[in-house]
């Protein structure tokens, strides 16, 4: 069922910057009343101020169920939640055995746990109303092997798998759930990474795909659309052959090597 964006109550997580900010702006321009959440409260409030009166901001730690519930309550004060965009996520890079376990678990709690919590909070009302739409941000990395970002890829694979299972459970409810799988998005998360040759897209392009999903409700959408076969192609290759190809192109080194931009981002998410 299509969601009319004008007047809709929409919640966007991780909305202080990047995809979340671009999505909140695009929704507000369509007349939606957007509640923006981000762990960086000062940033998200400034972003909302720039967007205008259709945007409301509050601090949100998606890994904390109480914080997420308070965020949803802000939206419910405006009316029933019509749209939830589970966008918040971080990416820790480095060899699996060299990263702190606490940081790895925090990454899972944000990237996957936040999606679970968000859906649990809004789905009961949506199903009761037989109306609503959820967009869960996964990644093409969740369909591929990315040495140096093992936990990130696991979390994004989990988002895609979780979404597929929940979608089957609510198939007759009138509520739609779209999994978005972008290629490398030009945000702070990829800044400094050597992703030469990797398909790239912009936050604004991803935002357009999110808004379009409110109309069509397709189960899975890749951005750009033509990258869809890439994940399937890897699954068809023998694993050892795939490993040799990645070693040949230096995939692990390109993800884990550090420079000023990657250090700045990694330092920030470690404090998230």
Protein backbone atom coordinates (compact mmCIF):
# COMPACT_ATOMS: atom_id res chain seq x y z
CA UNK A 1 0.00 0.00 0.00
CA UNK A 2 1.51 3.33 -1.08
CA UNK A 3 2.27 5.90 1.62
CA UNK A 4 1.18 9.46 0.87
CA UNK A 5 4.12 11.53 2.07
CA UNK A 6 2.35 14.86 2.43
CA UNK A 7 1.34 15.04 6.09
CA UNK A 8 2.85 11.64 6.91
CA UNK A 9 4.74 11.13 10.17
CA UNK A 10 8.19 9.81 9.27
CA UNK A 11 11.05 8.71 11.54
CA UNK A 12 14.65 8.68 10.28
CA UNK A 13 17.53 7.31 12.34
CA UNK A 14 21.12 8.41 11.88
CA UNK A 15 19.72 11.64 10.46
CA UNK A 16 22.46 14.07 11.42
CA UNK A 17 24.52 13.52 8.30
CA UNK A 18 24.86 11.49 5.11
CA UNK A 19 21.97 9.33 3.91
CA UNK A 20 19.83 10.11 6.95
CA UNK A 21 20.09 13.88 6.52
CA UNK A 22 19.45 13.66 2.77
CA UNK A 23 16.40 11.46 3.38
CA UNK A 24 14.98 13.74 6.07
CA UNK A 25 15.39 16.74 3.79
CA UNK A 26 13.72 14.98 0.85
CA UNK A 27 10.80 13.83 3.03
CA UNK A 28 10.29 17.31 4.47
CA UNK A 29 10.26 18.79 0.97
CA UNK A 30 7.41 16.40 0.14
CA UNK A 31 5.42 17.67 3.12
CA UNK A 32 6.13 14.87 5.58
CA UNK A 33 6.56 15.65 9.27
CA UNK A 34 9.99 14.21 9.94
CA UNK A 35 11.41 13.20 13.31
CA UNK A 36 15.19 12.99 13.04
CA UNK A 37 17.28 10.99 15.49
CA UNK A 38 21.04 10.80 15.90
CA UNK A 39 23.49 10.05 18.69
CA UNK A 40 25.11 13.43 17.93
CA UNK A 41 22.34 15.62 19.33
CA UNK A 42 23.96 18.95 18.48
CA UNK A 43 24.52 17.95 14.87
CA UNK A 44 21.04 16.53 14.28
CA UNK A 45 19.38 19.60 15.78
CA UNK A 46 21.41 21.87 13.50
CA UNK A 47 20.56 19.71 10.48
CA UNK A 48 16.86 19.87 11.38
CA UNK A 49 17.07 23.64 11.77
CA UNK A 50 18.50 23.89 8.26
CA UNK A 51 15.75 21.68 6.83
CA UNK A 52 12.97 23.79 8.32
CA UNK A 53 9.71 23.57 10.24
CA UNK A 54 8.78 20.09 8.98
CA UNK A 55 11.78 18.60 10.80
CA UNK A 56 12.06 17.81 14.51
CA UNK A 57 15.28 16.49 16.02
CA UNK A 58 16.16 14.53 19.14
CA UNK A 59 19.08 12.51 20.44
CA UNK A 60 18.85 8.82 19.61
CA UNK A 61 21.07 5.87 20.46
CA UNK A 62 19.55 3.05 18.38
CA UNK A 63 21.42 0.47 20.47
CA UNK A 64 19.47 1.59 23.55
CA UNK A 65 15.81 0.41 23.46
CA UNK A 66 14.74 3.10 25.93
CA UNK A 67 16.31 5.82 23.80
CA UNK A 68 14.64 4.40 20.70
CA UNK A 69 11.25 4.24 22.45
CA UNK A 70 11.58 7.90 23.50
CA UNK A 71 12.40 8.81 19.88
CA UNK A 72 9.28 7.04 18.60
CA UNK A 73 7.19 8.73 21.30
CA UNK A 74 8.23 12.13 19.90
CA UNK A 75 6.79 11.06 16.56
CA UNK A 76 3.63 9.57 18.05
CA UNK A 77 2.86 12.93 19.64
CA UNK A 78 2.29 14.11 16.05
CA UNK A 79 0.18 11.10 15.06
CA UNK A 80 0.61 7.45 14.07
CA UNK A 81 3.99 6.62 12.55
CA UNK A 82 3.59 6.09 8.81
CA UNK A 83 7.24 5.56 7.89
CA UNK A 84 10.37 4.36 9.70
CA UNK A 85 13.74 4.58 7.97
CA UNK A 86 16.27 2.43 9.87
CA UNK A 87 19.37 4.13 8.55
CA UNK A 88 21.73 4.50 11.52
CA UNK A 89 24.91 2.48 11.15
CA UNK A 90 28.67 2.49 11.61
CA UNK A 91 31.55 0.67 9.97
CA UNK A 92 34.65 -0.38 11.88
CA UNK A 93 37.49 -1.44 9.60
CA UNK A 94 40.50 -3.55 10.48
CA UNK A 95 41.45 -7.19 10.82
CA UNK A 96 38.87 -9.18 12.77
CA UNK A 97 41.34 -10.43 15.41
CA UNK A 98 42.84 -6.97 15.96
CA UNK A 99 39.60 -5.17 16.80
CA UNK A 100 38.29 -4.94 20.35
CA UNK A 101 35.40 -7.31 21.04
CA UNK A 102 33.45 -4.53 22.75
CA UNK A 103 33.68 -2.39 19.60
CA UNK A 104 32.59 -5.30 17.40
CA UNK A 105 29.55 -6.02 19.56
CA UNK A 106 28.65 -2.32 19.61
CA UNK A 107 28.71 -2.35 15.80
CA UNK A 108 26.28 -5.27 15.76
CA UNK A 109 24.04 -3.61 18.36
CA UNK A 110 23.83 -0.44 16.24
CA UNK A 111 23.65 -1.87 12.73
CA UNK A 112 21.43 -4.89 13.39
CA UNK A 113 20.08 -4.46 16.90
CA UNK A 114 18.82 -0.99 16.10
CA UNK A 115 16.83 -2.33 13.15
CA UNK A 116 15.27 -5.02 15.33
CA UNK A 117 14.32 -2.51 18.01
CA UNK A 118 12.90 -0.02 15.55
CA UNK A 119 10.68 -2.60 13.87
CA UNK A 120 9.47 -3.97 17.20
CA UNK A 121 8.45 -0.46 18.27
CA UNK A 122 6.47 0.58 15.18
CA UNK A 123 5.16 -2.65 13.66
CA UNK A 124 2.41 -3.44 16.19
CA UNK A 125 0.62 -0.15 15.49
CA UNK A 126 1.25 -0.37 11.75
CA UNK A 127 -0.15 -3.91 11.58
CA UNK A 128 -3.18 -2.90 13.67
CA UNK A 129 -3.83 0.03 11.30
CA UNK A 130 -2.98 -2.11 8.23
CA UNK A 131 -0.88 0.78 7.02
CA UNK A 132 2.76 1.74 7.17
CA UNK A 133 6.13 1.37 5.50
CA UNK A 134 9.58 0.50 6.84
CA UNK A 135 12.89 0.95 5.03
CA UNK A 136 15.86 -0.97 6.40
CA UNK A 137 19.28 0.11 5.18
CA UNK A 138 21.47 -2.86 4.36
CA UNK A 139 24.37 -2.68 1.90
CA UNK A 140 25.77 -4.48 -1.11
CA UNK A 141 28.57 -5.33 1.33
CA UNK A 142 26.04 -7.64 2.98
CA UNK A 143 25.94 -9.68 -0.22
CA UNK A 144 29.70 -9.89 -0.64
CA UNK A 145 32.89 -10.91 1.15
CA UNK A 146 34.74 -7.82 2.38
CA UNK A 147 37.97 -8.72 4.24
CA UNK A 148 38.74 -5.99 6.75
CA UNK A 149 35.09 -5.23 7.47
CA UNK A 150 33.87 -8.64 8.65
CA UNK A 151 31.50 -7.48 11.39
CA UNK A 152 30.06 -4.71 9.23
CA UNK A 153 29.27 -7.13 6.43
CA UNK A 154 27.78 -9.60 8.91
CA UNK A 155 25.51 -6.91 10.32
CA UNK A 156 24.33 -5.86 6.87
CA UNK A 157 23.75 -9.46 5.82
CA UNK A 158 21.72 -9.79 9.00
CA UNK A 159 19.61 -6.74 8.13
CA UNK A 160 18.79 -8.19 4.71
CA UNK A 161 17.98 -11.65 6.11
CA UNK A 162 15.95 -10.25 9.01
CA UNK A 163 13.97 -8.03 6.67
CA UNK A 164 13.17 -10.92 4.36
CA UNK A 165 11.86 -13.06 7.22
CA UNK A 166 9.79 -10.27 8.79
CA UNK A 167 8.42 -9.35 5.38
CA UNK A 168 7.12 -12.90 4.99
CA UNK A 169 5.47 -12.72 8.41
CA UNK A 170 3.61 -9.46 7.67
CA UNK A 171 2.85 -10.21 4.03
CA UNK A 172 -0.93 -9.94 4.47
CA UNK A 173 -0.92 -7.03 6.91
CA UNK A 174 -1.02 -4.09 4.52
CA UNK A 175 2.39 -2.97 5.84
CA UNK A 176 5.34 -2.90 3.43
CA UNK A 177 9.04 -3.37 4.17
CA UNK A 178 11.81 -2.47 1.74
CA UNK A 179 15.45 -3.46 2.17
CA UNK A 180 17.77 -0.96 0.52
CA UNK A 181 21.19 -2.18 -0.59
CA UNK A 182 23.39 0.71 -1.74
CA UNK A 183 26.81 0.34 -3.27
CA UNK A 184 29.57 2.53 -1.80
CA UNK A 185 27.91 5.79 -0.76
CA UNK A 186 29.97 8.96 -0.83
CA UNK A 187 29.71 9.79 2.87
CA UNK A 188 32.10 10.05 5.80
CA UNK A 189 31.86 6.27 6.19
CA UNK A 190 33.71 5.70 2.90
CA UNK A 191 35.89 8.82 3.04
CA UNK A 192 39.53 7.86 2.75
CA UNK A 193 38.85 4.26 1.71
CA UNK A 194 40.52 3.11 -1.48
CA UNK A 195 37.38 1.99 -3.30
CA UNK A 196 38.63 2.60 -6.81
CA UNK A 197 36.59 0.48 -9.21
CA UNK A 198 33.73 -0.01 -6.73
CA UNK A 199 30.31 1.28 -7.86
CA UNK A 200 29.51 4.53 -6.05
CA UNK A 201 26.40 6.55 -5.34
CA UNK A 202 25.41 9.66 -3.39
CA UNK A 203 23.26 10.17 -0.28
CA UNK A 204 20.76 12.11 -2.39
CA UNK A 205 20.38 9.21 -4.84
CA UNK A 206 19.80 6.80 -1.96
CA UNK A 207 17.24 9.21 -0.49
CA UNK A 208 15.36 9.26 -3.79
CA UNK A 209 15.23 5.46 -3.72
CA UNK A 210 13.89 5.52 -0.17
CA UNK A 211 11.11 7.93 -1.11
CA UNK A 212 10.31 5.89 -4.23
CA UNK A 213 9.90 2.77 -2.08
CA UNK A 214 7.05 4.50 -0.22
CA UNK A 215 5.19 4.37 -3.52
CA UNK A 216 6.09 0.94 -4.89
CA UNK A 217 6.99 -1.04 -1.74
CA UNK A 218 9.39 -3.36 -3.57
CA UNK A 219 11.03 -5.93 -1.25
CA UNK A 220 14.70 -5.27 -2.12
CA UNK A 221 16.20 -2.32 -3.97
CA UNK A 222 19.85 -1.87 -4.94
CA UNK A 223 21.33 1.56 -5.58
CA UNK A 224 22.27 1.88 -8.36
CA UNK A 225 19.86 -0.73 -9.65
CA UNK A 226 22.34 -2.31 -12.07
CA UNK A 227 24.57 -3.62 -9.23
CA UNK A 228 21.94 -6.19 -8.22
CA UNK A 229 23.64 -9.15 -9.99
CA UNK A 230 27.01 -8.55 -8.28
CA UNK A 231 26.05 -10.25 -5.02
CA UNK A 232 24.59 -13.21 -6.87
CA UNK A 233 27.74 -13.51 -8.98
CA UNK A 234 29.96 -13.88 -5.92
CA UNK A 235 27.76 -16.63 -4.51
CA UNK A 236 28.26 -18.60 -7.72
CA UNK A 237 32.07 -18.45 -7.55
CA UNK A 238 34.00 -21.12 -5.62
CA UNK A 239 35.11 -19.48 -2.36
CA UNK A 240 38.81 -20.13 -2.95
CA UNK A 241 38.63 -18.52 -6.37
CA UNK A 242 36.90 -15.50 -4.88
CA UNK A 243 39.63 -15.25 -2.22
CA UNK A 244 42.37 -15.34 -4.87
CA UNK A 245 40.67 -12.57 -6.84
CA UNK A 246 40.38 -10.39 -3.73
CA UNK A 247 44.02 -10.97 -2.83
CA UNK A 248 45.03 -10.08 -6.36
CA UNK A 249 43.27 -6.70 -6.19
CA UNK A 250 44.43 -6.05 -2.62
CA UNK A 251 40.90 -5.88 -1.22
CA UNK A 252 41.88 -6.33 2.43
CA UNK A 253 44.66 -3.71 2.32
CA UNK A 254 42.42 -1.21 0.56
CA UNK A 255 39.83 -1.48 3.35
CA UNK A 256 42.17 -1.54 6.33
CA UNK A 257 44.85 0.98 5.38
CA UNK A 258 44.69 4.15 7.46
CA UNK A 259 44.91 7.80 6.48
CA UNK A 260 43.73 11.04 8.04
CA UNK A 261 40.13 10.67 6.77
CA UNK A 262 39.74 7.05 7.89
CA UNK A 263 41.33 7.74 11.28
CA UNK A 264 38.95 10.64 11.88
CA UNK A 265 35.91 8.49 11.08
CA UNK A 266 37.13 5.45 13.02
CA UNK A 267 37.88 7.60 16.06
CA UNK A 268 34.38 9.07 15.94
CA UNK A 269 32.51 5.77 15.62
CA UNK A 270 34.59 4.22 18.38
CA UNK A 271 33.07 6.87 20.66
CA UNK A 272 29.54 6.26 19.32
